[in-house]
Amino acid sequence: MKSMQLLLAGIAIVASAACNAEKGAANSDAPITAVAPPQGGDWSKMVTKTAEGGYLMGNPNADVKLVEFGSMTCPHCREFAEQGFGTLTEKYVKSGRVSYEFRNYVRDGLDLAMSVVARCGPVDRFYPMTDALFKSQSELFEKVQSASPEQQQSLGQTPQGLAQLAGLSQWAAQRGLPSARTNACLANQNEANQLVQMNTDANTQYPEFQGTPGFVINGKYLKDTATWEKLEPQLRAAIGERG
């Protein structure tokens, strides 16, 4: 598959034009009227896989539906996770007024391997594994970079080989995902094909797509929005429009 070959052509381990970085406005502290979760539960604990291949957290019938297109090897996606994910979850998703869906947008072979690992376990483990992968991003990059030229040449052409260079199987095992399951997921061509298709779908549905992280609110792509500081005011505005 040509698109797969393009993805595996190299490892983007530094910020690139496809990975945005911006500064934005201050956060708002205005209260949000909450929607009670079923049986007194927690909306942020409700995670389902969507038809588009993403993972949706929160109230599926929320007034405001936020989608992030994120790359596991994008430093700015990691920064968004560090700076915005906690507030997004605690203030917005838990209110029941906002649902949050993360769709992987793979930029390179290592990204593909990391995405497969994040998606390999039970559905409710996707977000903890994604968070852990972002926190380990630099460590995994360094392992790949420290491999000999011969190792990079022989193993760096496939997701399985890149996973081996990065030590992803051992990394996942330390976080409760058995190595046998991780290796089976990495060898699953259908999973790799779905991730590649998700890129195609994103580019087709949003031709104005600018790179990762990219955000959509209620079907509208947000241009020049790649940080929590830029995203939150638009999230608040969307909530305000719905009372």
Foldseek 3Di string as FASTA:
>chain_A
DVLLQQQLVDDPQDADQQADDDDFADFDDDAAQADQDPPNDFQQQDWDQDPLGKIKTAQPPALKEKEWAAFLNHLLSLVQCVPPVVCCRPRPRRRRNYMYIYAYARRHLQSLLLQLLLVLDDRSSNVVSSNVSSVCNVLLVVQLVPDDPVLCVVQSRHSLSSCVSSVVLVVVVVVPDHSVSSNVSSVDVVSSVSNSVSNVVVCVLCVVNRHPGWMDMPSRTDPPDRHPNRPNVVVVVSSVVVD
